[in-house]
All heavy atoms as atom14 arrays in JSON, in Angstrom:
{
  "sequence": "RTLVDRSLLTESEIEWWNSYHAQVRDILAPQLEGDALAWVEEACK",
  "atom14_mask": [
    [1, 1, 1, 1, 1, 1, 1, 1, 1, 1, 1, 0, 0, 0],
    [1, 1, 1, 1, 1, 1, 1, 0, 0, 0, 0, 0, 0, 0],
    [1, 1, 1, 1, 1, 1, 1, 1, 0, 0, 0, 0, 0, 0],
    [1, 1, 1, 1, 1, 1, 1, 0, 0, 0, 0, 0, 0, 0],
    [1, 1, 1, 1, 1, 1, 1, 1, 0, 0, 0, 0, 0, 0],
    [1, 1, 1, 1, 1, 1, 1, 1, 1, 1, 1, 0, 0, 0],
    [1, 1, 1, 1, 1, 1, 0, 0, 0, 0, 0, 0, 0, 0],
    [1, 1, 1, 1, 1, 1, 1, 1, 0, 0, 0, 0, 0, 0],
    [1, 1, 1, 1, 1, 1, 1, 1, 0, 0, 0, 0, 0, 0],
    [1, 1, 1, 1, 1, 1, 1, 0, 0, 0, 0, 0, 0, 0],
    [1, 1, 1, 1, 1, 1, 1, 1, 1, 0, 0, 0, 0, 0],
    [1, 1, 1, 1, 1, 1, 0, 0, 0, 0, 0, 0, 0, 0],
    [1, 1, 1, 1, 1, 1, 1, 1, 1, 0, 0, 0, 0, 0],
    [1, 1, 1, 1, 1, 1, 1, 1, 0, 0, 0, 0, 0, 0],
    [1, 1, 1, 1, 1, 1, 1, 1, 1, 0, 0, 0, 0, 0],
    [1, 1, 1, 1, 1, 1, 1, 1, 1, 1, 1, 1, 1, 1],
    [1, 1, 1, 1, 1, 1, 1, 1, 1, 1, 1, 1, 1, 1],
    [1, 1, 1, 1, 1, 1, 1, 1, 0, 0, 0, 0, 0, 0],
    [1, 1, 1, 1, 1, 1, 0, 0, 0, 0, 0, 0, 0, 0],
    [1, 1, 1, 1, 1, 1, 1, 1, 1, 1, 1, 1, 0, 0],
    [1, 1, 1, 1, 1, 1, 1, 1, 1, 1, 0, 0, 0, 0],
    [1, 1, 1, 1, 1, 0, 0, 0, 0, 0, 0, 0, 0, 0],
    [1, 1, 1, 1, 1, 1, 1, 1, 1, 0, 0, 0, 0, 0],
    [1, 1, 1, 1, 1, 1, 1, 0, 0, 0, 0, 0, 0, 0],
    [1, 1, 1, 1, 1, 1, 1, 1, 1, 1, 1, 0, 0, 0],
    [1, 1, 1, 1, 1, 1, 1, 1, 0, 0, 0, 0, 0, 0],
    [1, 1, 1, 1, 1, 1, 1, 1, 0, 0, 0, 0, 0, 0],
    [1, 1, 1, 1, 1, 1, 1, 1, 0, 0, 0, 0, 0, 0],
    [1, 1, 1, 1, 1, 0, 0, 0, 0, 0, 0, 0, 0, 0],
    [1, 1, 1, 1, 1, 1, 1, 0, 0, 0, 0, 0, 0, 0],
    [1, 1, 1, 1, 1, 1, 1, 1, 1, 0, 0, 0, 0, 0],
    [1, 1, 1, 1, 1, 1, 1, 1, 0, 0, 0, 0, 0, 0],
    [1, 1, 1, 1, 1, 1, 1, 1, 1, 0, 0, 0, 0, 0],
    [1, 1, 1, 1, 0, 0, 0, 0, 0, 0, 0, 0, 0, 0],
    [1, 1, 1, 1, 1, 1, 1, 1, 0, 0, 0, 0, 0, 0],
    [1, 1, 1, 1, 1, 0, 0, 0, 0, 0, 0, 0, 0, 0],
    [1, 1, 1, 1, 1, 1, 1, 1, 0, 0, 0, 0, 0, 0],
    [1, 1, 1, 1, 1, 0, 0, 0, 0, 0, 0, 0, 0, 0],
    [1, 1, 1, 1, 1, 1, 1, 1, 1, 1, 1, 1, 1, 1],
    [1, 1, 1, 1, 1, 1, 1, 0, 0, 0, 0, 0, 0, 0],
    [1, 1, 1, 1, 1, 1, 1, 1, 1, 0, 0, 0, 0, 0],
    [1, 1, 1, 1, 1, 1, 1, 1, 1, 0, 0, 0, 0, 0],
    [1, 1, 1, 1, 1, 0, 0, 0, 0, 0, 0, 0, 0, 0],
    [1, 1, 1, 1, 1, 1, 0, 0, 0, 0, 0, 0, 0, 0],
    [1, 1, 1, 1, 1, 1, 1, 1, 1, 0, 0, 0, 0, 0]
  ],
  "atom14_positions": [
    [[-2.3, -7.85, -0.57], [-3.0, -7.6, 0.7], [-2.63, -6.27, 1.34], [-3.36, -5.75, 2.17], [-2.74, -8.78, 1.65], [-1.29, -8.89, 2.04], [-0.92, -10.3, 2.54], [-1.66, -10.65, 3.74], [-2.28, -11.81, 3.93], [-2.3, -12.71, 2.98], [-2.91, -12.09, 5.03], [0.0, 0.0, 0.0], [0.0, 0.0, 0.0], [0.0, 0.0, 0.0]],
    [[-1.52, -5.68, 0.93], [-1.06, -4.41, 1.51], [-2.1, -3.32, 1.25], [-2.26, -2.38, 2.05], [0.28, -3.96, 0.85], [1.2, -5.04, 0.99], [0.81, -2.73, 1.58], [0.0, 0.0, 0.0], [0.0, 0.0, 0.0], [0.0, 0.0, 0.0], [0.0, 0.0, 0.0], [0.0, 0.0, 0.0], [0.0, 0.0, 0.0], [0.0, 0.0, 0.0]],
    [[-2.85, -3.42, 0.14], [-3.81, -2.39, -0.24], [-5.19, -2.67, 0.26], [-6.14, -1.89, 0.0], [-3.83, -2.25, -1.78], [-2.65, -1.48, -2.38], [-2.47, -1.82, -3.85], [-2.84, 0.01, -2.18], [0.0, 0.0, 0.0], [0.0, 0.0, 0.0], [0.0, 0.0, 0.0], [0.0, 0.0, 0.0], [0.0, 0.0, 0.0], [0.0, 0.0, 0.0]],
    [[-5.39, -3.74, 1.01], [-6.74, -4.14, 1.48], [-7.04, -3.5, 2.83], [-6.23, -3.57, 3.77], [-6.86, -5.66, 1.58], [-8.22, -6.03, 2.15], [-6.65, -6.3, 0.21], [0.0, 0.0, 0.0], [0.0, 0.0, 0.0], [0.0, 0.0, 0.0], [0.0, 0.0, 0.0], [0.0, 0.0, 0.0], [0.0, 0.0, 0.0], [0.0, 0.0, 0.0]],
    [[-8.19, -2.88, 2.95], [-8.74, -2.41, 4.28], [-9.67, -3.52, 4.76], [-10.8, -3.62, 4.34], [-9.46, -1.1, 4.1], [-9.98, -0.56, 5.42], [-10.02, -1.28, 6.44], [-10.32, 0.65, 5.47], [0.0, 0.0, 0.0], [0.0, 0.0, 0.0], [0.0, 0.0, 0.0], [0.0, 0.0, 0.0], [0.0, 0.0, 0.0], [0.0, 0.0, 0.0]],
    [[-9.16, -4.35, 5.65], [-9.9, -5.53, 6.09], [-11.24, -5.13, 6.74], [-12.23, -5.88, 6.65], [-9.07, -6.34, 7.04], [-9.61, -7.76, 7.34], [-8.72, -8.48, 8.34], [-9.07, -9.87, 8.5], [-10.04, -10.31, 9.23], [-10.83, -9.45, 9.9], [-10.31, -11.62, 9.36], [0.0, 0.0, 0.0], [0.0, 0.0, 0.0], [0.0, 0.0, 0.0]],
    [[-11.29, -3.97, 7.35], [-12.51, -3.57, 8.04], [-13.68, -3.35, 7.1], [-14.84, -3.32, 7.54], [-12.23, -2.3, 8.86], [-12.03, -1.17, 8.01], [0.0, 0.0, 0.0], [0.0, 0.0, 0.0], [0.0, 0.0, 0.0], [0.0, 0.0, 0.0], [0.0, 0.0, 0.0], [0.0, 0.0, 0.0], [0.0, 0.0, 0.0], [0.0, 0.0, 0.0]],
    [[-13.39, -3.14, 5.82], [-14.46, -2.94, 4.84], [-15.01, -4.24, 4.3], [-16.02, -4.23, 3.55], [-13.98, -2.05, 3.68], [-13.59, -0.61, 3.99], [-13.07, 0.07, 2.74], [-14.75, 0.15, 4.6], [0.0, 0.0, 0.0], [0.0, 0.0, 0.0], [0.0, 0.0, 0.0], [0.0, 0.0, 0.0], [0.0, 0.0, 0.0], [0.0, 0.0, 0.0]],
    [[-14.39, -5.34, 4.58], [-14.81, -6.65, 4.05], [-15.75, -7.38, 5.0], [-15.58, -7.3, 6.23], [-13.58, -7.53, 3.79], [-12.56, -7.04, 2.76], [-11.4, -8.02, 2.68], [-13.21, -6.85, 1.38], [0.0, 0.0, 0.0], [0.0, 0.0, 0.0], [0.0, 0.0, 0.0], [0.0, 0.0, 0.0], [0.0, 0.0, 0.0], [0.0, 0.0, 0.0]],
    [[-16.72, -8.04, 4.43], [-17.6, -8.87, 5.24], [-16.94, -10.22, 5.52], [-15.93, -10.59, 4.86], [-18.93, -9.13, 4.48], [-18.64, -9.93, 3.31], [-19.61, -7.85, 4.05], [0.0, 0.0, 0.0], [0.0, 0.0, 0.0], [0.0, 0.0, 0.0], [0.0, 0.0, 0.0], [0.0, 0.0, 0.0], [0.0, 0.0, 0.0], [0.0, 0.0, 0.0]],
    [[-17.51, -11.01, 6.41], [-16.95, -12.32, 6.67], [-16.99, -13.22, 5.46], [-16.07, -13.99, 5.18], [-17.73, -12.98, 7.84], [-17.41, -12.4, 9.19], [-15.91, -12.43, 9.53], [-15.26, -13.49, 9.31], [-15.38, -11.39, 9.95], [0.0, 0.0, 0.0], [0.0, 0.0, 0.0], [0.0, 0.0, 0.0], [0.0, 0.0, 0.0], [0.0, 0.0, 0.0]],
    [[-18.03, -13.07, 4.64], [-18.14, -13.85, 3.43], [-17.05, -13.48, 2.42], [-16.46, -14.34, 1.76], [-19.53, -13.64, 2.8], [-19.61, -14.25, 1.52], [0.0, 0.0, 0.0], [0.0, 0.0, 0.0], [0.0, 0.0, 0.0], [0.0, 0.0, 0.0], [0.0, 0.0, 0.0], [0.0, 0.0, 0.0], [0.0, 0.0, 0.0], [0.0, 0.0, 0.0]],
    [[-16.77, -12.19, 2.33], [-15.72, -11.74, 1.43], [-14.33, -12.19, 1.89], [-13.46, -12.59, 1.08], [-15.74, -10.2, 1.29], [-16.96, -9.73, 0.53], [-17.24, -8.25, 0.71], [-16.68, -7.64, 1.65], [-18.0, -7.69, -0.13], [0.0, 0.0, 0.0], [0.0, 0.0, 0.0], [0.0, 0.0, 0.0], [0.0, 0.0, 0.0], [0.0, 0.0, 0.0]],
    [[-14.11, -12.18, 3.23], [-12.82, -12.68, 3.76], [-12.71, -14.17, 3.49], [-11.63, -14.67, 3.17], [-12.75, -12.35, 5.27], [-12.64, -10.87, 5.48], [-11.56, -13.07, 5.9], [-12.78, -10.4, 6.94], [0.0, 0.0, 0.0], [0.0, 0.0, 0.0], [0.0, 0.0, 0.0], [0.0, 0.0, 0.0], [0.0, 0.0, 0.0], [0.0, 0.0, 0.0]],
    [[-13.83, -14.85, 3.62], [-13.83, -16.31, 3.34], [-13.46, -16.55, 1.86], [-12.67, -17.48, 1.55], [-15.21, -16.9, 3.63], [-15.28, -18.4, 3.46], [-16.68, -18.94, 3.78], [-17.39, -18.29, 4.59], [-17.06, -19.98, 3.2], [0.0, 0.0, 0.0], [0.0, 0.0, 0.0], [0.0, 0.0, 0.0], [0.0, 0.0, 0.0], [0.0, 0.0, 0.0]],
    [[-14.01, -15.71, 0.94], [-13.66, -15.86, -0.5], [-12.16, -15.63, -0.66], [-11.49, -16.4, -1.37], [-14.43, -14.86, -1.34], [-14.1, -14.97, -2.77], [-14.75, -15.73, -3.73], [-13.03, -14.31, -3.49], [-14.14, -15.6, -4.95], [-13.06, -14.74, -4.83], [-12.02, -13.44, -3.09], [-12.15, -14.29, -5.83], [-11.09, -12.99, -4.05], [-11.17, -13.42, -5.39]],
    [[-11.62, -14.55, -0.04], [-10.23, -14.23, -0.18], [-9.32, -15.43, 0.3], [-8.42, -15.81, -0.43], [-9.89, -12.99, 0.67], [-8.45, -12.65, 0.75], [-7.49, -13.28, 1.55], [-7.73, -11.61, 0.05], [-6.26, -12.72, 1.35], [-6.35, -11.7, 0.46], [-8.12, -10.63, -0.85], [-5.4, -10.82, -0.03], [-7.14, -9.76, -1.35], [-5.81, -9.84, -0.94]],
    [[-9.67, -15.97, 1.44], [-8.86, -17.03, 1.98], [-8.95, -18.27, 1.14], [-7.96, -19.0, 0.9], [-9.25, -17.34, 3.42], [-8.87, -16.21, 4.38], [-7.93, -15.41, 4.08], [-9.55, -16.1, 5.49], [0.0, 0.0, 0.0], [0.0, 0.0, 0.0], [0.0, 0.0, 0.0], [0.0, 0.0, 0.0], [0.0, 0.0, 0.0], [0.0, 0.0, 0.0]],
    [[-10.15, -18.61, 0.66], [-10.33, -19.8, -0.2], [-9.6, -19.6, -1.52], [-8.94, -20.52, -2.0], [-11.81, -20.02, -0.45], [-12.04, -21.04, -1.4], [0.0, 0.0, 0.0], [0.0, 0.0, 0.0], [0.0, 0.0, 0.0], [0.0, 0.0, 0.0], [0.0, 0.0, 0.0], [0.0, 0.0, 0.0], [0.0, 0.0, 0.0], [0.0, 0.0, 0.0]],
    [[-9.69, -18.4, -2.1], [-9.02, -18.09, -3.38], [-7.5, -18.28, -3.19], [-6.83, -18.97, -4.03], [-9.36, -16.7, -3.87], [-8.58, -16.3, -5.08], [-8.87, -16.82, -6.35], [-7.48, -15.43, -4.98], [-8.14, -16.44, -7.49], [-6.74, -15.05, -6.11], [-7.07, -15.57, -7.33], [-6.33, -15.24, -8.42], [0.0, 0.0, 0.0], [0.0, 0.0, 0.0]],
    [[-6.96, -17.74, -2.16], [-5.51, -17.8, -1.99], [-5.03, -19.14, -1.59], [-3.88, -19.5, -1.9], [-5.04, -16.7, -1.01], [-5.02, -15.31, -1.64], [-6.11, -14.49, -1.66], [-4.01, -14.67, -2.32], [-5.82, -13.39, -2.34], [-4.56, -13.49, -2.73], [0.0, 0.0, 0.0], [0.0, 0.0, 0.0], [0.0, 0.0, 0.0], [0.0, 0.0, 0.0]],
    [[-5.86, -19.95, -0.96], [-5.5, -21.36, -0.73], [-5.38, -22.09, -2.05], [-4.44, -22.9, -2.25], [-6.56, -22.02, 0.14], [0.0, 0.0, 0.0], [0.0, 0.0, 0.0], [0.0, 0.0, 0.0], [0.0, 0.0, 0.0], [0.0, 0.0, 0.0], [0.0, 0.0, 0.0], [0.0, 0.0, 0.0], [0.0, 0.0, 0.0], [0.0, 0.0, 0.0]],
    [[-6.26, -21.8, -3.0], [-6.16, -22.37, -4.36], [-4.93, -21.89, -5.04], [-4.23, -22.62, -5.77], [-7.42, -22.04, -5.15], [-8.66, -22.77, -4.73], [-9.88, -22.35, -5.57], [-10.48, -21.29, -5.27], [-10.19, -23.13, -6.57], [0.0, 0.0, 0.0], [0.0, 0.0, 0.0], [0.0, 0.0, 0.0], [0.0, 0.0, 0.0], [0.0, 0.0, 0.0]],
    [[-4.65, -20.59, -4.9], [-3.45, -19.99, -5.54], [-2.23, -20.79, -5.07], [-1.37, -21.2, -5.86], [-3.28, -18.51, -5.2], [-1.92, -18.0, -5.65], [-4.4, -17.69, -5.85], [0.0, 0.0, 0.0], [0.0, 0.0, 0.0], [0.0, 0.0, 0.0], [0.0, 0.0, 0.0], [0.0, 0.0, 0.0], [0.0, 0.0, 0.0], [0.0, 0.0, 0.0]],
    [[-2.11, -20.98, -3.73], [-0.96, -21.69, -3.19], [-0.9, -23.11, -3.73], [0.18, -23.6, -4.13], [-1.09, -21.69, -1.65], [0.1, -22.36, -0.97], [-0.08, -22.44, 0.52], [-1.26, -23.24, 0.86], [-2.35, -22.72, 1.42], [-2.45, -21.44, 1.7], [-3.39, -23.49, 1.73], [0.0, 0.0, 0.0], [0.0, 0.0, 0.0], [0.0, 0.0, 0.0]],
    [[-2.01, -23.81, -3.77], [-2.02, -25.21, -4.19], [-1.6, -25.33, -5.68], [-0.93, -26.3, -6.04], [-3.43, -25.82, -4.01], [-3.78, -26.01, -2.54], [-2.87, -25.94, -1.69], [-4.97, -26.22, -2.25], [0.0, 0.0, 0.0], [0.0, 0.0, 0.0], [0.0, 0.0, 0.0], [0.0, 0.0, 0.0], [0.0, 0.0, 0.0], [0.0, 0.0, 0.0]],
    [[-1.98, -24.38, -6.51], [-1.68, -24.44, -7.95], [-0.28, -23.98, -8.23], [0.4, -24.55, -9.07], [-2.7, -23.6, -8.73], [-4.08, -24.28, -8.69], [-2.28, -23.35, -10.16], [-5.23, -23.43, -9.23], [0.0, 0.0, 0.0], [0.0, 0.0, 0.0], [0.0, 0.0, 0.0], [0.0, 0.0, 0.0], [0.0, 0.0, 0.0], [0.0, 0.0, 0.0]],
    [[0.19, -22.94, -7.53], [1.5, -22.36, -7.87], [2.65, -23.0, -7.15], [3.76, -23.14, -7.71], [1.5, -20.86, -7.58], [0.48, -20.0, -8.31], [0.8, -18.53, -8.08], [0.49, -20.29, -9.8], [0.0, 0.0, 0.0], [0.0, 0.0, 0.0], [0.0, 0.0, 0.0], [0.0, 0.0, 0.0], [0.0, 0.0, 0.0], [0.0, 0.0, 0.0]],
    [[2.47, -23.43, -5.9], [3.56, -23.94, -5.11], [4.36, -25.05, -5.76], [5.6, -25.06, -5.75], [3.07, -24.36, -3.73], [0.0, 0.0, 0.0], [0.0, 0.0, 0.0], [0.0, 0.0, 0.0], [0.0, 0.0, 0.0], [0.0, 0.0, 0.0], [0.0, 0.0, 0.0], [0.0, 0.0, 0.0], [0.0, 0.0, 0.0], [0.0, 0.0, 0.0]],
    [[3.69, -26.04, -6.41], [4.47, -27.13, -7.07], [5.34, -26.66, -8.21], [6.26, -27.39, -8.64], [3.39, -28.09, -7.53], [2.18, -27.81, -6.72], [2.24, -26.33, -6.44], [0.0, 0.0, 0.0], [0.0, 0.0, 0.0], [0.0, 0.0, 0.0], [0.0, 0.0, 0.0], [0.0, 0.0, 0.0], [0.0, 0.0, 0.0], [0.0, 0.0, 0.0]],
    [[5.11, -25.45, -8.73], [5.83, -24.94, -9.86], [6.99, -24.01, -9.46], [7.78, -23.57, -10.31], [4.93, -24.17, -10.82], [3.71, -24.95, -11.31], [2.86, -24.08, -12.22], [3.26, -23.75, -13.34], [1.7, -23.71, -11.75], [0.0, 0.0, 0.0], [0.0, 0.0, 0.0], [0.0, 0.0, 0.0], [0.0, 0.0, 0.0], [0.0, 0.0, 0.0]],
    [[7.08, -23.7, -8.16], [8.04, -22.69, -7.68], [9.0, -23.31, -6.66], [8.74, -24.36, -6.1], [7.29, -21.51, -7.06], [6.27, -20.79, -7.97], [5.48, -19.78, -7.12], [6.99, -20.14, -9.13], [0.0, 0.0, 0.0], [0.0, 0.0, 0.0], [0.0, 0.0, 0.0], [0.0, 0.0, 0.0], [0.0, 0.0, 0.0], [0.0, 0.0, 0.0]],
    [[10.07, -22.57, -6.4], [11.03, -23.0, -5.4], [11.74, -21.75, -4.82], [11.62, -20.66, -5.39], [12.04, -23.95, -5.99], [12.8, -23.38, -7.16], [13.72, -24.43, -7.81], [13.51, -25.64, -7.59], [14.62, -24.01, -8.55], [0.0, 0.0, 0.0], [0.0, 0.0, 0.0], [0.0, 0.0, 0.0], [0.0, 0.0, 0.0], [0.0, 0.0, 0.0]],
    [[12.42, -21.92, -3.77], [13.25, -20.87, -3.21], [12.47, -19.65, -2.76], [11.39, -19.79, -2.18], [0.0, 0.0, 0.0], [0.0, 0.0, 0.0], [0.0, 0.0, 0.0], [0.0, 0.0, 0.0], [0.0, 0.0, 0.0], [0.0, 0.0, 0.0], [0.0, 0.0, 0.0], [0.0, 0.0, 0.0], [0.0, 0.0, 0.0], [0.0, 0.0, 0.0]],
    [[13.05, -18.48, -3.02], [12.47, -17.24, -2.55], [11.06, -16.99, -3.15], [10.19, -16.42, -2.48], [13.37, -16.07, -2.82], [14.67, -16.13, -1.99], [14.66, -16.86, -0.98], [15.63, -15.38, -2.35], [0.0, 0.0, 0.0], [0.0, 0.0, 0.0], [0.0, 0.0, 0.0], [0.0, 0.0, 0.0], [0.0, 0.0, 0.0], [0.0, 0.0, 0.0]],
    [[10.89, -17.34, -4.41], [9.58, -17.12, -5.05], [8.52, -17.94, -4.39], [7.38, -17.48, -4.19], [9.68, -17.44, -6.54], [0.0, 0.0, 0.0], [0.0, 0.0, 0.0], [0.0, 0.0, 0.0], [0.0, 0.0, 0.0], [0.0, 0.0, 0.0], [0.0, 0.0, 0.0], [0.0, 0.0, 0.0], [0.0, 0.0, 0.0], [0.0, 0.0, 0.0]],
    [[8.83, -19.19, -4.06], [7.86, -20.04, -3.33], [7.57, -19.44, -1.94], [6.38, -19.38, -1.57], [8.43, -21.46, -3.22], [7.63, -22.41, -2.32], [6.2, -22.58, -2.86], [8.33, -23.79, -2.26], [0.0, 0.0, 0.0], [0.0, 0.0, 0.0], [0.0, 0.0, 0.0], [0.0, 0.0, 0.0], [0.0, 0.0, 0.0], [0.0, 0.0, 0.0]],
    [[8.58, -18.99, -1.26], [8.36, -18.41, 0.08], [7.5, -17.17, -0.05], [6.59, -16.93, 0.81], [9.7, -18.06, 0.74], [0.0, 0.0, 0.0], [0.0, 0.0, 0.0], [0.0, 0.0, 0.0], [0.0, 0.0, 0.0], [0.0, 0.0, 0.0], [0.0, 0.0, 0.0], [0.0, 0.0, 0.0], [0.0, 0.0, 0.0], [0.0, 0.0, 0.0]],
    [[7.7, -16.36, -1.08], [6.89, -15.17, -1.3], [5.41, -15.54, -1.52], [4.51, -14.92, -0.94], [7.41, -14.38, -2.48], [6.63, -13.12, -2.78], [6.82, -11.91, -2.17], [5.52, -13.0, -3.67], [5.89, -11.01, -2.69], [5.11, -11.65, -3.59], [4.89, -13.86, -4.53], [4.04, -11.16, -4.36], [3.83, -13.38, -5.3], [3.41, -12.05, -5.2]],
    [[5.16, -16.52, -2.36], [3.79, -16.96, -2.6], [3.15, -17.46, -1.33], [1.96, -17.16, -1.03], [3.73, -18.01, -3.72], [2.37, -18.74, -3.75], [3.98, -17.35, -5.1], [0.0, 0.0, 0.0], [0.0, 0.0, 0.0], [0.0, 0.0, 0.0], [0.0, 0.0, 0.0], [0.0, 0.0, 0.0], [0.0, 0.0, 0.0], [0.0, 0.0, 0.0]],
    [[3.86, -18.27, -0.57], [3.27, -18.79, 0.67], [2.93, -17.68, 1.65], [1.89, -17.71, 2.33], [4.25, -19.83, 1.31], [4.33, -21.1, 0.48], [5.33, -22.09, 1.05], [6.28, -21.64, 1.78], [5.16, -23.29, 0.78], [0.0, 0.0, 0.0], [0.0, 0.0, 0.0], [0.0, 0.0, 0.0], [0.0, 0.0, 0.0], [0.0, 0.0, 0.0]],
    [[3.76, -16.69, 1.73], [3.46, -15.54, 2.59], [2.28, -14.75, 2.09], [1.4, -14.36, 2.86], [4.72, -14.62, 2.68], [4.55, -13.42, 3.6], [4.41, -13.79, 5.06], [4.9, -14.88, 5.47], [3.76, -13.0, 5.81], [0.0, 0.0, 0.0], [0.0, 0.0, 0.0], [0.0, 0.0, 0.0], [0.0, 0.0, 0.0], [0.0, 0.0, 0.0]],
    [[2.23, -14.54, 0.76], [1.15, -13.77, 0.16], [-0.21, -14.52, 0.25], [-1.26, -13.86, 0.18], [1.45, -13.48, -1.29], [0.0, 0.0, 0.0], [0.0, 0.0, 0.0], [0.0, 0.0, 0.0], [0.0, 0.0, 0.0], [0.0, 0.0, 0.0], [0.0, 0.0, 0.0], [0.0, 0.0, 0.0], [0.0, 0.0, 0.0], [0.0, 0.0, 0.0]],
    [[-0.18, -15.82, 0.44], [-1.4, -16.61, 0.46], [-1.86, -16.98, 1.88], [-2.83, -17.73, 2.06], [-1.2, -17.88, -0.36], [-1.04, -17.57, -2.12], [0.0, 0.0, 0.0], [0.0, 0.0, 0.0], [0.0, 0.0, 0.0], [0.0, 0.0, 0.0], [0.0, 0.0, 0.0], [0.0, 0.0, 0.0], [0.0, 0.0, 0.0], [0.0, 0.0, 0.0]],
    [[-1.23, -16.4, 2.89], [-1.69, -16.68, 4.24], [-3.09, -16.09, 4.46], [-3.45, -15.09, 3.77], [-0.73, -16.04, 5.24], [0.58, -16.79, 5.43], [1.44, -16.13, 6.48], [2.73, -16.96, 6.71], [3.59, -16.3, 7.72], [0.0, 0.0, 0.0], [0.0, 0.0, 0.0], [0.0, 0.0, 0.0], [0.0, 0.0, 0.0], [0.0, 0.0, 0.0]]
  ]
}
């Protein structure tokens, strides 16, 4: 997300981003723990 210029995205594209990252969190979180899990949760906000 550091490289994203949010102002260039439409609401539909932001919705895709958020939906995608919610799936990322749901799939990856059960496989991770500790700092790596915290990093994924932060990256998927």
